[in-house]
Amino acid sequence: MLPEGRRLAGAIGYLMLPPVPSDRVAAPYVRSARSIVSALDKQGTCGWVIDMRSNSGGDMWGPLAAVGPILGDGTVGAAVYADGEKSPWAIENGTPASTWTSGARQHLSHGRRRRWPC
């Protein structure tokens, strides 16, 4: 199942993000979501509803990559380990990045930042 979206009243964009069922569909999933975001952005979207009610968990990187351009640059979350160490997730130029593997940022997808007009 791929993401779906539409424009709601008041220039609000709606993006439904189902779970990513496998690595095989991760790239089409992100492309589909970003295409929806781009199309709604061209209509003058002023805010977003990101609906993840049907997403019961699993891979977070596909949905995070999908909304990277909406979230903008900066830290958006972190893994917190039992010893209190944090490994942040960030968006850089619309692309998710993490320091999980080596301490150096690893880019996890491709994208670019979009600015919302409101």
C-alpha atoms as a PDB file:
ATOM      1  CA  MET A   1       0.000   0.000   0.000  1.00  0.00           C
ATOM      2  CA  LEU A   2       1.387   3.396  -1.004  1.00  0.00           C
ATOM      3  CA  PRO A   3       0.838   6.777   0.676  1.00  0.00           C
ATOM      4  CA  GLU A   4      -2.262   8.754  -0.241  1.00  0.00           C
ATOM      5  CA  GLY A   5      -2.992  12.441   0.038  1.00  0.00           C
ATOM      6  CA  ARG A   6      -5.402  15.233  -0.684  1.00  0.00           C
ATOM      7  CA  ARG A   7      -6.095  18.847   0.086  1.00  0.00           C
ATOM      8  CA  LEU A   8      -8.384  19.593   3.024  1.00  0.00           C
ATOM      9  CA  ALA A   9     -10.340  22.770   3.729  1.00  0.00           C
ATOM     10  CA  GLY A  10      -8.264  25.759   4.786  1.00  0.00           C
ATOM     11  CA  ALA A  11      -5.315  24.948   2.502  1.00  0.00           C
ATOM     12  CA  ILE A  12      -4.289  21.982   4.669  1.00  0.00           C
ATOM     13  CA  GLY A  13      -2.482  19.056   3.093  1.00  0.00           C
ATOM     14  CA  TYR A  14      -3.394  15.526   4.203  1.00  0.00           C
ATOM     15  CA  LEU A  15      -0.870  12.694   3.840  1.00  0.00           C
ATOM     16  CA  MET A  16      -1.728   9.131   4.911  1.00  0.00           C
ATOM     17  CA  LEU A  17       1.383   7.030   5.549  1.00  0.00           C
ATOM     18  CA  PRO A  18       0.714   3.278   5.763  1.00  0.00           C
ATOM     19  CA  PRO A  19       3.465   0.911   6.941  1.00  0.00           C
ATOM     20  CA  VAL A  20       6.317   0.147   4.539  1.00  0.00           C
ATOM     21  CA  PRO A  21       5.726  -3.577   3.877  1.00  0.00           C
ATOM     22  CA  SER A  22       9.225  -4.378   2.554  1.00  0.00           C
ATOM     23  CA  ASP A  23      12.503  -2.881   1.387  1.00  0.00           C
ATOM     24  CA  ARG A  24      11.359  -3.625  -2.179  1.00  0.00           C
ATOM     25  CA  VAL A  25       8.667  -0.938  -1.989  1.00  0.00           C
ATOM     26  CA  ALA A  26      10.563   1.616   0.127  1.00  0.00           C
ATOM     27  CA  ALA A  27      11.743   3.707  -2.843  1.00  0.00           C
ATOM     28  CA  PRO A  28       8.319   3.797  -4.592  1.00  0.00           C
ATOM     29  CA  TYR A  29       6.719   4.583  -1.198  1.00  0.00           C
ATOM     30  CA  VAL A  30       8.960   7.630  -0.660  1.00  0.00           C
ATOM     31  CA  ARG A  31       8.596   8.779  -4.291  1.00  0.00           C
ATOM     32  CA  SER A  32       4.810   8.516  -4.035  1.00  0.00           C
ATOM     33  CA  ALA A  33       4.632  10.489  -0.783  1.00  0.00           C
ATOM     34  CA  ARG A  34       7.001  13.186  -2.017  1.00  0.00           C
ATOM     35  CA  SER A  35       5.043  13.487  -5.255  1.00  0.00           C
ATOM     36  CA  ILE A  36       1.871  14.068  -3.219  1.00  0.00           C
ATOM     37  CA  VAL A  37       3.650  16.655  -1.039  1.00  0.00           C
ATOM     38  CA  SER A  38       4.998  18.437  -4.117  1.00  0.00           C
ATOM     39  CA  ALA A  39       1.602  18.500  -5.872  1.00  0.00           C
ATOM     40  CA  LEU A  40      -0.173  19.829  -2.777  1.00  0.00           C
ATOM     41  CA  ASP A  41       2.607  22.323  -2.145  1.00  0.00           C
ATOM     42  CA  LYS A  42       2.038  23.785  -5.621  1.00  0.00           C
ATOM     43  CA  GLN A  43      -1.563  24.476  -4.574  1.00  0.00           C
ATOM     44  CA  GLY A  44      -0.418  26.723  -1.709  1.00  0.00           C
ATOM     45  CA  THR A  45      -0.606  24.306   1.222  1.00  0.00           C
ATOM     46  CA  CYS A  46      -0.288  26.082   4.586  1.00  0.00           C
ATOM     47  CA  GLY A  47      -0.132  23.124   6.986  1.00  0.00           C
ATOM     48  CA  TRP A  48      -0.199  19.345   7.122  1.00  0.00           C
ATOM     49  CA  VAL A  49      -2.014  16.429   8.708  1.00  0.00           C
ATOM     50  CA  ILE A  50       0.230  13.367   8.681  1.00  0.00           C
ATOM     51  CA  ASP A  51      -2.033  10.375   9.298  1.00  0.00           C
ATOM     52  CA  MET A  52      -0.171   7.318  10.572  1.00  0.00           C
ATOM     53  CA  ARG A  53      -3.120   5.558  12.187  1.00  0.00           C
ATOM     54  CA  SER A  54      -2.807   2.550   9.868  1.00  0.00           C
ATOM     55  CA  ASN A  55       0.969   2.341  10.410  1.00  0.00           C
ATOM     56  CA  SER A  56       1.450  -0.257  13.120  1.00  0.00           C
ATOM     57  CA  GLY A  57       5.222   0.059  13.207  1.00  0.00           C
ATOM     58  CA  GLY A  58       8.282  -1.433  11.609  1.00  0.00           C
ATOM     59  CA  ASP A  59      10.661   0.502   9.398  1.00  0.00           C
ATOM     60  CA  MET A  60      10.579   4.200  10.293  1.00  0.00           C
ATOM     61  CA  TRP A  61      12.987   5.432   7.620  1.00  0.00           C
ATOM     62  CA  GLY A  62      10.515   5.295   4.710  1.00  0.00           C
ATOM     63  CA  PRO A  63       7.887   7.437   6.457  1.00  0.00           C
ATOM     64  CA  LEU A  64      10.588   9.757   7.826  1.00  0.00           C
ATOM     65  CA  ALA A  65      12.053  10.193   4.341  1.00  0.00           C
ATOM     66  CA  ALA A  66       8.542  10.809   3.018  1.00  0.00           C
ATOM     67  CA  VAL A  67       7.956  13.739   5.393  1.00  0.00           C
ATOM     68  CA  GLY A  68      11.515  15.082   5.459  1.00  0.00           C
ATOM     69  CA  PRO A  69      10.645  18.022   3.200  1.00  0.00           C
ATOM     70  CA  ILE A  70       7.686  18.885   5.466  1.00  0.00           C
ATOM     71  CA  LEU A  71       9.659  18.678   8.716  1.00  0.00           C
ATOM     72  CA  GLY A  72      12.567  20.780   7.485  1.00  0.00           C
ATOM     73  CA  ASP A  73      16.149  20.635   8.681  1.00  0.00           C
ATOM     74  CA  GLY A  74      17.110  19.796  12.255  1.00  0.00           C
ATOM     75  CA  THR A  75      16.853  17.033  14.836  1.00  0.00           C
ATOM     76  CA  VAL A  76      13.477  15.294  14.695  1.00  0.00           C
ATOM     77  CA  GLY A  77      13.983  12.449  17.176  1.00  0.00           C
ATOM     78  CA  ALA A  78      16.488  10.103  18.777  1.00  0.00           C
ATOM     79  CA  ALA A  79      17.067   6.580  19.963  1.00  0.00           C
ATOM     80  CA  VAL A  80      17.771   6.620  23.711  1.00  0.00           C
ATOM     81  CA  TYR A  81      19.710   3.655  25.042  1.00  0.00           C
ATOM     82  CA  ALA A  82      19.549   2.127  28.532  1.00  0.00           C
ATOM     83  CA  ASP A  83      22.763   3.955  29.532  1.00  0.00           C
ATOM     84  CA  GLY A  84      21.180   7.291  28.561  1.00  0.00           C
ATOM     85  CA  GLU A  85      23.211   7.719  25.363  1.00  0.00           C
ATOM     86  CA  LYS A  86      21.230   9.346  22.567  1.00  0.00           C
ATOM     87  CA  SER A  87      21.599   8.756  18.856  1.00  0.00           C
ATOM     88  CA  PRO A  88      19.701  11.563  17.088  1.00  0.00           C
ATOM     89  CA  TRP A  89      17.807  11.404  13.804  1.00  0.00           C
ATOM     90  CA  ALA A  90      17.948  14.580  11.802  1.00  0.00           C
ATOM     91  CA  ILE A  91      16.702  15.999   8.544  1.00  0.00           C
ATOM     92  CA  GLU A  92      19.348  17.647   6.382  1.00  0.00           C
ATOM     93  CA  ASN A  93      18.193  19.255   3.144  1.00  0.00           C
ATOM     94  CA  GLY A  94      14.973  17.220   3.304  1.00  0.00           C
ATOM     95  CA  THR A  95      16.869  13.962   3.775  1.00  0.00           C
ATOM     96  CA  PRO A  96      16.900  11.779   6.929  1.00  0.00           C
ATOM     97  CA  ALA A  97      20.300  11.247   8.495  1.00  0.00           C
ATOM     98  CA  SER A  98      21.418   9.284  11.546  1.00  0.00           C
ATOM     99  CA  THR A  99      24.598   8.811  13.556  1.00  0.00           C
ATOM    100  CA  TRP A 100      23.702   5.212  14.512  1.00  0.00           C
ATOM    101  CA  THR A 101      26.387   3.357  12.594  1.00  0.00           C
ATOM    102  CA  SER A 102      29.709   5.133  13.084  1.00  0.00           C
ATOM    103  CA  GLY A 103      29.103   8.427  14.833  1.00  0.00           C
ATOM    104  CA  ALA A 104      29.331  10.174  11.453  1.00  0.00           C
ATOM    105  CA  ARG A 105      26.075  11.227   9.818  1.00  0.00           C
ATOM    106  CA  GLN A 106      24.718   8.691   7.378  1.00  0.00           C
ATOM    107  CA  HIS A 107      22.245   9.984   4.778  1.00  0.00           C
ATOM    108  CA  LEU A 108      19.380   7.551   4.441  1.00  0.00           C
ATOM    109  CA  SER A 109      17.466   8.905   1.465  1.00  0.00           C
ATOM    110  CA  HIS A 110      17.529  11.686  -1.104  1.00  0.00           C
ATOM    111  CA  GLY A 111      15.453  14.825  -1.051  1.00  0.00           C
ATOM    112  CA  ARG A 112      15.404  18.587  -0.706  1.00  0.00           C
ATOM    113  CA  ARG A 113      13.838  21.087   1.627  1.00  0.00           C
ATOM    114  CA  ARG A 114      10.637  22.838   0.596  1.00  0.00           C
ATOM    115  CA  ARG A 115       9.442  26.078   2.167  1.00  0.00           C
ATOM    116  CA  TRP A 116       5.769  26.491   3.005  1.00  0.00           C
ATOM    117  CA  PRO A 117       4.197  29.851   2.074  1.00  0.00           C
ATOM    118  CA  CYS A 118       2.239  30.456   5.306  1.00  0.00           C
END
